[in-house]
N, C-alpha and C. Protein backbone atom coordinates (compact mmCIF):
# COMPACT_ATOMS: atom_id res chain seq x y z
N MET A 1 86.50 85.01 108.69
CA MET A 1 87.41 86.01 108.99
C MET A 1 87.17 87.20 107.96
N SER A 2 87.04 88.41 108.45
CA SER A 2 86.88 89.58 107.55
C SER A 2 88.13 89.79 106.74
N GLN A 3 87.94 90.57 105.72
CA GLN A 3 89.20 90.81 104.79
C GLN A 3 90.17 91.59 105.58
N TRP A 4 89.76 92.65 106.34
CA TRP A 4 90.74 93.43 107.20
C TRP A 4 91.46 92.50 108.14
N ALA A 5 90.76 91.61 108.70
CA ALA A 5 91.34 90.63 109.69
C ALA A 5 92.42 89.75 108.97
N GLU A 6 92.08 89.30 107.78
CA GLU A 6 93.00 88.52 107.02
C GLU A 6 94.25 89.35 106.63
N ILE A 7 94.05 90.61 106.28
CA ILE A 7 95.15 91.46 105.87
C ILE A 7 96.03 91.74 107.08
N LEU A 8 95.50 92.08 108.23
CA LEU A 8 96.24 92.26 109.44
C LEU A 8 96.97 91.09 109.93
N ASP A 9 96.36 89.87 109.76
CA ASP A 9 96.97 88.63 110.14
C ASP A 9 98.20 88.34 109.26
N ALA A 10 98.01 88.63 107.95
CA ALA A 10 99.13 88.39 107.04
C ALA A 10 100.21 89.33 107.24
N ILE A 11 99.92 90.62 107.59
CA ILE A 11 101.02 91.55 107.86
C ILE A 11 101.75 91.16 109.16
N SER A 12 101.07 90.75 110.15
CA SER A 12 101.61 90.29 111.38
C SER A 12 102.53 89.18 111.14
N LEU A 13 102.15 88.24 110.30
CA LEU A 13 102.99 87.00 110.01
C LEU A 13 104.28 87.52 109.31
N ALA A 14 104.14 88.50 108.44
CA ALA A 14 105.38 88.95 107.61
C ALA A 14 106.31 89.72 108.55
N LEU A 15 105.71 90.61 109.35
CA LEU A 15 106.57 91.38 110.23
C LEU A 15 107.05 90.54 111.42
N GLY A 16 106.47 89.42 111.64
CA GLY A 16 106.88 88.53 112.74
C GLY A 16 108.06 87.60 112.25
N GLY A 17 108.54 87.80 111.13
CA GLY A 17 109.68 87.03 110.56
C GLY A 17 109.35 86.00 109.64
N GLU A 18 108.10 85.78 109.31
CA GLU A 18 107.72 84.80 108.25
C GLU A 18 107.34 85.50 107.09
N ARG A 19 108.32 86.17 106.39
CA ARG A 19 108.08 87.02 105.24
C ARG A 19 107.40 86.29 104.09
N ALA A 20 107.93 85.16 103.75
CA ALA A 20 107.41 84.45 102.56
C ALA A 20 105.95 84.00 102.88
N ALA A 21 105.65 83.52 104.06
CA ALA A 21 104.28 83.14 104.38
C ALA A 21 103.36 84.36 104.36
N GLY A 22 103.94 85.35 104.91
CA GLY A 22 103.07 86.58 104.93
C GLY A 22 102.77 87.15 103.62
N GLN A 23 103.81 87.11 102.70
CA GLN A 23 103.70 87.58 101.35
C GLN A 23 102.67 86.74 100.59
N ASP A 24 102.76 85.41 100.76
CA ASP A 24 101.75 84.51 100.16
C ASP A 24 100.37 84.89 100.55
N ARG A 25 100.14 85.03 101.79
CA ARG A 25 98.85 85.33 102.28
C ARG A 25 98.29 86.68 101.83
N LEU A 26 99.26 87.71 101.77
CA LEU A 26 98.78 88.95 101.24
C LEU A 26 98.39 88.82 99.77
N LEU A 27 99.18 88.04 99.00
CA LEU A 27 98.82 87.86 97.62
C LEU A 27 97.57 87.10 97.44
N THR A 28 97.28 86.16 98.26
CA THR A 28 95.98 85.49 98.21
C THR A 28 94.82 86.47 98.48
N VAL A 29 95.00 87.33 99.47
CA VAL A 29 93.95 88.33 99.72
C VAL A 29 93.82 89.27 98.55
N TRP A 30 94.90 89.71 98.04
CA TRP A 30 94.88 90.56 96.84
C TRP A 30 94.03 89.89 95.76
N MET A 31 94.35 88.63 95.39
CA MET A 31 93.68 88.00 94.34
C MET A 31 92.13 87.85 94.60
N SER A 32 91.77 87.82 95.83
CA SER A 32 90.33 87.65 96.16
C SER A 32 89.62 89.05 96.39
N SER A 33 90.38 90.10 96.35
CA SER A 33 89.82 91.42 96.55
C SER A 33 89.12 91.99 95.32
N ASP A 34 88.20 92.80 95.53
CA ASP A 34 87.38 93.45 94.55
C ASP A 34 88.08 94.73 94.09
N ASP A 35 88.03 95.07 92.79
CA ASP A 35 88.72 96.25 92.42
C ASP A 35 88.10 97.56 92.90
N LYS A 36 87.06 97.46 93.66
CA LYS A 36 86.47 98.65 94.21
C LYS A 36 86.84 98.73 95.70
N GLN A 37 87.58 97.84 96.26
CA GLN A 37 88.08 97.78 97.63
C GLN A 37 89.46 98.56 97.67
N HIS A 38 89.30 99.87 97.54
CA HIS A 38 90.49 100.66 97.30
C HIS A 38 91.37 100.76 98.59
N ALA A 39 90.75 100.84 99.76
CA ALA A 39 91.50 100.93 100.95
C ALA A 39 92.26 99.65 101.23
N GLU A 40 91.56 98.49 101.13
CA GLU A 40 92.20 97.24 101.34
C GLU A 40 93.34 97.00 100.35
N ARG A 41 93.01 97.34 99.03
CA ARG A 41 94.13 97.18 98.07
C ARG A 41 95.33 98.08 98.24
N CYS A 42 94.99 99.29 98.69
CA CYS A 42 96.16 100.25 99.00
C CYS A 42 97.04 99.67 100.04
N VAL A 43 96.48 99.15 101.14
CA VAL A 43 97.21 98.55 102.27
C VAL A 43 97.96 97.34 101.76
N LEU A 44 97.30 96.43 100.98
CA LEU A 44 97.83 95.25 100.49
C LEU A 44 99.09 95.58 99.64
N ALA A 45 98.91 96.52 98.67
CA ALA A 45 99.98 96.86 97.73
C ALA A 45 101.22 97.44 98.51
N HIS A 46 100.87 98.30 99.49
CA HIS A 46 101.94 98.94 100.33
C HIS A 46 102.77 97.92 100.95
N TYR A 47 102.16 96.88 101.60
CA TYR A 47 102.96 95.92 102.26
C TYR A 47 103.60 94.90 101.29
N LEU A 48 102.91 94.62 100.17
CA LEU A 48 103.45 93.70 99.20
C LEU A 48 104.74 94.33 98.65
N ALA A 49 104.80 95.59 98.43
CA ALA A 49 105.99 96.31 97.96
C ALA A 49 107.13 96.07 98.86
N ASP A 50 106.83 96.27 100.23
CA ASP A 50 107.87 95.99 101.23
C ASP A 50 108.48 94.63 101.29
N LEU A 51 107.66 93.71 100.81
CA LEU A 51 108.10 92.27 100.81
C LEU A 51 108.82 91.84 99.63
N GLU A 52 108.86 92.68 98.59
CA GLU A 52 109.44 92.29 97.28
C GLU A 52 110.93 92.34 97.29
N SER A 53 111.54 91.34 96.68
CA SER A 53 113.00 91.37 96.53
C SER A 53 113.42 91.98 95.20
N ASP A 54 112.53 91.98 94.15
CA ASP A 54 112.74 92.51 92.86
C ASP A 54 112.33 94.03 92.91
N LEU A 55 113.30 94.94 92.60
CA LEU A 55 113.08 96.41 92.62
C LEU A 55 112.01 96.80 91.76
N SER A 56 111.92 96.26 90.55
CA SER A 56 110.88 96.72 89.62
C SER A 56 109.51 96.28 90.06
N ALA A 57 109.38 95.09 90.65
CA ALA A 57 108.15 94.64 91.24
C ALA A 57 107.74 95.47 92.44
N GLU A 58 108.69 95.86 93.28
CA GLU A 58 108.46 96.67 94.43
C GLU A 58 107.86 98.07 93.94
N ILE A 59 108.56 98.60 92.97
CA ILE A 59 108.08 99.90 92.43
C ILE A 59 106.62 99.78 91.82
N SER A 60 106.38 98.68 91.17
CA SER A 60 105.00 98.45 90.69
C SER A 60 104.04 98.38 91.74
N TRP A 61 104.24 97.63 92.83
CA TRP A 61 103.36 97.68 94.00
C TRP A 61 103.15 98.99 94.64
N ASP A 62 104.26 99.77 94.82
CA ASP A 62 104.24 101.12 95.45
C ASP A 62 103.41 102.04 94.52
N GLU A 63 103.55 101.93 93.16
CA GLU A 63 102.81 102.71 92.19
C GLU A 63 101.28 102.35 92.36
N CYS A 64 101.02 101.01 92.50
CA CYS A 64 99.61 100.48 92.71
C CYS A 64 99.03 101.01 93.97
N ALA A 65 99.81 101.07 95.02
CA ALA A 65 99.27 101.57 96.31
C ALA A 65 98.84 103.08 96.22
N LEU A 66 99.60 103.88 95.51
CA LEU A 66 99.28 105.26 95.31
C LEU A 66 98.04 105.41 94.45
N VAL A 67 97.94 104.60 93.37
CA VAL A 67 96.69 104.62 92.58
C VAL A 67 95.46 104.26 93.43
N GLU A 68 95.54 103.25 94.17
CA GLU A 68 94.38 102.85 95.02
C GLU A 68 94.15 103.90 96.11
N PHE A 69 95.17 104.51 96.65
CA PHE A 69 95.02 105.60 97.64
C PHE A 69 94.18 106.75 97.17
N ALA A 70 94.37 107.05 95.94
CA ALA A 70 93.56 108.14 95.29
C ALA A 70 92.06 108.03 95.39
N GLU A 71 91.58 106.77 95.63
CA GLU A 71 90.23 106.39 95.79
C GLU A 71 89.81 106.10 97.16
N VAL A 72 90.60 106.25 98.14
CA VAL A 72 90.33 105.85 99.54
C VAL A 72 89.66 106.99 100.24
N ASP A 73 88.45 106.68 100.85
CA ASP A 73 87.75 107.60 101.65
C ASP A 73 88.58 107.90 102.97
N ASN A 74 88.51 109.13 103.56
CA ASN A 74 89.33 109.49 104.58
C ASN A 74 89.14 108.65 105.87
N ASP A 75 88.05 107.98 106.11
CA ASP A 75 87.89 107.20 107.28
C ASP A 75 87.98 105.69 106.97
N ALA A 76 88.41 105.32 105.76
CA ALA A 76 88.41 103.92 105.34
C ALA A 76 89.56 103.14 105.88
N LEU A 77 90.58 103.72 106.57
CA LEU A 77 91.72 103.05 107.07
C LEU A 77 91.57 102.86 108.54
N VAL A 78 90.56 103.21 109.19
CA VAL A 78 90.41 103.10 110.63
C VAL A 78 90.66 101.70 111.11
N ALA A 79 90.28 100.66 110.32
CA ALA A 79 90.45 99.27 110.62
C ALA A 79 91.91 98.94 110.87
N VAL A 80 92.84 99.65 110.22
CA VAL A 80 94.26 99.36 110.39
C VAL A 80 94.97 100.44 111.27
N GLY A 81 94.17 101.19 111.97
CA GLY A 81 94.69 102.09 113.03
C GLY A 81 95.08 103.47 112.40
N ILE A 82 94.64 103.82 111.24
CA ILE A 82 94.89 105.14 110.59
C ILE A 82 93.58 105.92 110.65
N ALA A 83 93.44 106.93 111.61
CA ALA A 83 92.24 107.60 111.74
C ALA A 83 91.80 108.43 110.59
N ALA A 84 92.85 109.04 109.88
CA ALA A 84 92.57 109.87 108.61
C ALA A 84 93.47 109.35 107.58
N ALA A 85 92.84 108.86 106.41
CA ALA A 85 93.62 108.22 105.44
C ALA A 85 94.77 109.22 104.89
N ALA A 86 94.49 110.45 104.92
CA ALA A 86 95.51 111.48 104.44
C ALA A 86 96.86 111.19 105.10
N ALA A 87 96.87 110.70 106.27
CA ALA A 87 98.16 110.51 107.04
C ALA A 87 98.95 109.40 106.42
N MET A 88 98.39 108.59 105.50
CA MET A 88 99.17 107.48 104.92
C MET A 88 99.92 108.02 103.69
N ALA A 89 99.48 109.13 103.07
CA ALA A 89 100.07 109.58 101.85
C ALA A 89 101.58 109.85 101.94
N PRO A 90 102.06 110.55 102.96
CA PRO A 90 103.57 110.71 102.98
C PRO A 90 104.33 109.46 102.93
N SER A 91 103.92 108.46 103.60
CA SER A 91 104.62 107.15 103.53
C SER A 91 104.60 106.55 102.24
N LEU A 92 103.43 106.61 101.56
CA LEU A 92 103.38 106.00 100.25
C LEU A 92 104.32 106.82 99.24
N HIS A 93 104.39 108.09 99.33
CA HIS A 93 105.31 108.85 98.45
C HIS A 93 106.78 108.58 98.80
N LEU A 94 107.05 108.37 100.16
CA LEU A 94 108.37 108.04 100.58
C LEU A 94 108.85 106.69 100.04
N ASN A 95 107.97 105.70 100.12
CA ASN A 95 108.42 104.35 99.58
C ASN A 95 108.54 104.40 98.09
N LEU A 96 107.66 104.99 97.34
CA LEU A 96 107.77 105.03 95.93
C LEU A 96 108.99 105.89 95.51
N GLY A 97 109.26 106.99 96.17
CA GLY A 97 110.43 107.78 95.84
C GLY A 97 111.70 107.11 96.13
N ASP A 98 111.81 106.38 97.18
CA ASP A 98 112.95 105.55 97.48
C ASP A 98 113.22 104.48 96.36
N GLY A 99 112.12 103.87 96.01
CA GLY A 99 112.24 102.85 94.95
C GLY A 99 112.77 103.51 93.60
N TYR A 100 112.20 104.60 93.22
CA TYR A 100 112.68 105.37 92.02
C TYR A 100 114.19 105.77 92.15
N LEU A 101 114.54 106.20 93.34
CA LEU A 101 115.95 106.62 93.59
C LEU A 101 116.87 105.43 93.40
N ARG A 102 116.54 104.29 93.97
CA ARG A 102 117.37 103.07 93.85
C ARG A 102 117.37 102.57 92.42
N ALA A 103 116.32 102.96 91.63
CA ALA A 103 116.30 102.51 90.23
C ALA A 103 116.91 103.53 89.25
N GLY A 104 117.46 104.65 89.87
CA GLY A 104 118.06 105.70 89.11
C GLY A 104 117.11 106.61 88.33
N ARG A 105 115.83 106.57 88.80
CA ARG A 105 114.82 107.45 88.21
C ARG A 105 114.71 108.70 88.99
N LEU A 106 115.71 109.50 88.87
CA LEU A 106 115.92 110.64 89.83
C LEU A 106 114.85 111.78 89.80
N ALA A 107 114.30 112.02 88.54
CA ALA A 107 113.31 113.06 88.43
C ALA A 107 111.99 112.54 89.08
N GLU A 108 111.68 111.32 88.94
CA GLU A 108 110.47 110.75 89.62
C GLU A 108 110.68 110.60 91.14
N ALA A 109 111.88 110.36 91.51
CA ALA A 109 112.20 110.27 92.94
C ALA A 109 112.04 111.68 93.62
N ARG A 110 112.50 112.66 92.88
CA ARG A 110 112.35 114.08 93.38
C ARG A 110 110.86 114.42 93.46
N HIS A 111 110.09 114.13 92.52
CA HIS A 111 108.62 114.42 92.49
C HIS A 111 107.97 113.77 93.67
N GLN A 112 108.33 112.46 93.92
CA GLN A 112 107.64 111.74 95.08
C GLN A 112 108.10 112.43 96.44
N ALA A 113 109.31 112.72 96.46
CA ALA A 113 109.85 113.43 97.71
C ALA A 113 109.07 114.74 97.95
N GLN A 114 108.90 115.55 96.88
CA GLN A 114 108.26 116.78 96.92
C GLN A 114 106.76 116.58 97.39
N GLN A 115 106.10 115.56 96.74
CA GLN A 115 104.69 115.28 97.09
C GLN A 115 104.62 114.85 98.54
N GLY A 116 105.48 113.98 99.01
CA GLY A 116 105.52 113.49 100.37
C GLY A 116 105.74 114.67 101.36
N LEU A 117 106.63 115.59 101.06
CA LEU A 117 106.88 116.60 101.98
C LEU A 117 105.62 117.67 101.95
N ALA A 118 105.02 117.82 100.75
CA ALA A 118 103.84 118.69 100.66
C ALA A 118 102.72 118.28 101.63
N CYS A 119 102.58 116.94 101.78
CA CYS A 119 101.47 116.42 102.53
C CYS A 119 101.92 115.98 103.98
N SER A 120 103.18 116.21 104.30
CA SER A 120 103.63 115.71 105.57
C SER A 120 102.99 116.40 106.77
N GLY A 121 102.32 117.46 106.59
CA GLY A 121 101.56 118.13 107.57
C GLY A 121 100.39 117.25 108.08
N GLN A 122 100.01 116.23 107.36
CA GLN A 122 98.95 115.34 107.72
C GLN A 122 99.47 114.36 108.79
N LEU A 123 100.80 114.23 108.98
CA LEU A 123 101.30 113.30 109.92
C LEU A 123 101.20 113.91 111.34
N GLY A 124 101.14 113.05 112.36
CA GLY A 124 101.09 113.48 113.72
C GLY A 124 102.42 113.90 114.22
N ASP A 125 102.40 114.56 115.34
CA ASP A 125 103.69 115.03 115.98
C ASP A 125 104.08 113.88 116.99
N ASP A 126 104.44 112.76 116.35
CA ASP A 126 104.81 111.55 117.16
C ASP A 126 105.93 110.83 116.55
N GLY A 127 106.29 109.69 117.08
CA GLY A 127 107.39 108.94 116.56
C GLY A 127 107.26 108.50 115.19
N TYR A 128 106.11 108.12 114.70
CA TYR A 128 105.88 107.65 113.39
C TYR A 128 105.97 108.89 112.36
N GLY A 129 105.35 109.96 112.74
CA GLY A 129 105.35 111.20 111.97
C GLY A 129 106.76 111.68 111.72
N ASN A 130 107.51 111.68 112.93
CA ASN A 130 108.89 112.09 112.88
C ASN A 130 109.76 111.17 111.99
N LEU A 131 109.42 109.85 112.03
CA LEU A 131 110.18 108.86 111.22
C LEU A 131 110.00 109.16 109.73
N ILE A 132 108.73 109.33 109.35
CA ILE A 132 108.35 109.53 107.92
C ILE A 132 108.89 110.90 107.42
N ARG A 133 108.76 111.99 108.27
CA ARG A 133 109.41 113.25 107.86
C ARG A 133 110.78 113.18 107.60
N ALA A 134 111.55 112.53 108.53
CA ALA A 134 112.98 112.37 108.45
C ALA A 134 113.40 111.58 107.21
N GLY A 135 112.53 110.51 106.89
CA GLY A 135 112.76 109.76 105.69
C GLY A 135 112.58 110.58 104.43
N LEU A 136 111.60 111.41 104.41
CA LEU A 136 111.35 112.29 103.28
C LEU A 136 112.45 113.31 103.09
N ASP A 137 112.98 113.89 104.30
CA ASP A 137 114.12 114.78 104.20
C ASP A 137 115.29 114.08 103.63
N ARG A 138 115.49 112.87 104.13
CA ARG A 138 116.74 112.10 103.64
C ARG A 138 116.64 111.82 102.18
N LEU A 139 115.40 111.40 101.72
CA LEU A 139 115.23 111.12 100.27
C LEU A 139 115.44 112.38 99.43
N MET A 140 114.99 113.49 99.83
CA MET A 140 115.16 114.76 99.14
C MET A 140 116.69 115.06 99.01
N ALA A 141 117.42 114.88 100.16
CA ALA A 141 118.81 115.20 100.27
C ALA A 141 119.52 114.21 99.29
N GLN A 142 119.20 113.00 99.24
CA GLN A 142 119.80 112.00 98.45
C GLN A 142 119.60 112.34 96.92
N VAL A 143 118.39 112.74 96.63
CA VAL A 143 118.10 113.14 95.24
C VAL A 143 118.84 114.31 94.85
N GLU A 144 118.93 115.39 95.75
CA GLU A 144 119.68 116.52 95.37
C GLU A 144 121.15 116.23 95.34
N GLY A 145 121.64 115.35 96.13
CA GLY A 145 123.04 114.95 96.08
C GLY A 145 123.38 114.15 94.80
N ALA A 146 122.40 113.55 94.18
CA ALA A 146 122.67 112.82 93.01
C ALA A 146 122.70 113.80 91.72
N GLY A 147 122.38 115.10 92.09
CA GLY A 147 122.59 116.09 91.00
C GLY A 147 121.42 116.35 90.09
N THR A 148 120.18 116.08 90.56
CA THR A 148 119.00 116.32 89.75
C THR A 148 118.61 117.81 89.89
N SER A 149 117.84 118.25 88.92
CA SER A 149 117.42 119.65 89.00
C SER A 149 115.89 119.73 88.99
């Protein structure tokens, strides 16, 4: 089985209600991944963050996903249905910003919301794009409501 197939299988397992088993499989793939497999590691970290119950670990995975994303070639995520990698950036910023907000790290949350909004033009004009844009708008409103400048 290819690494992408293993990743997609683990994600399906987690999203299908078997969170712990999916998380275990994603961690196994992570441990076997090469540090030059940026696209795979970005996706792995993105989903591992979503499966974390500990906020600081979730934030660490989200930070890792963004670090890996910086090295992802634009066509490297086609295997997971993302035609242009740039379209993943707003979601990565949204997730990290939300974690920072929940941790009380308001300046960092604001920065992530701003970064996500700045690249939200990469999103399609579809349900997913609208969902991420609305999430970024909500995040910014929550940060502003918390009184940051």
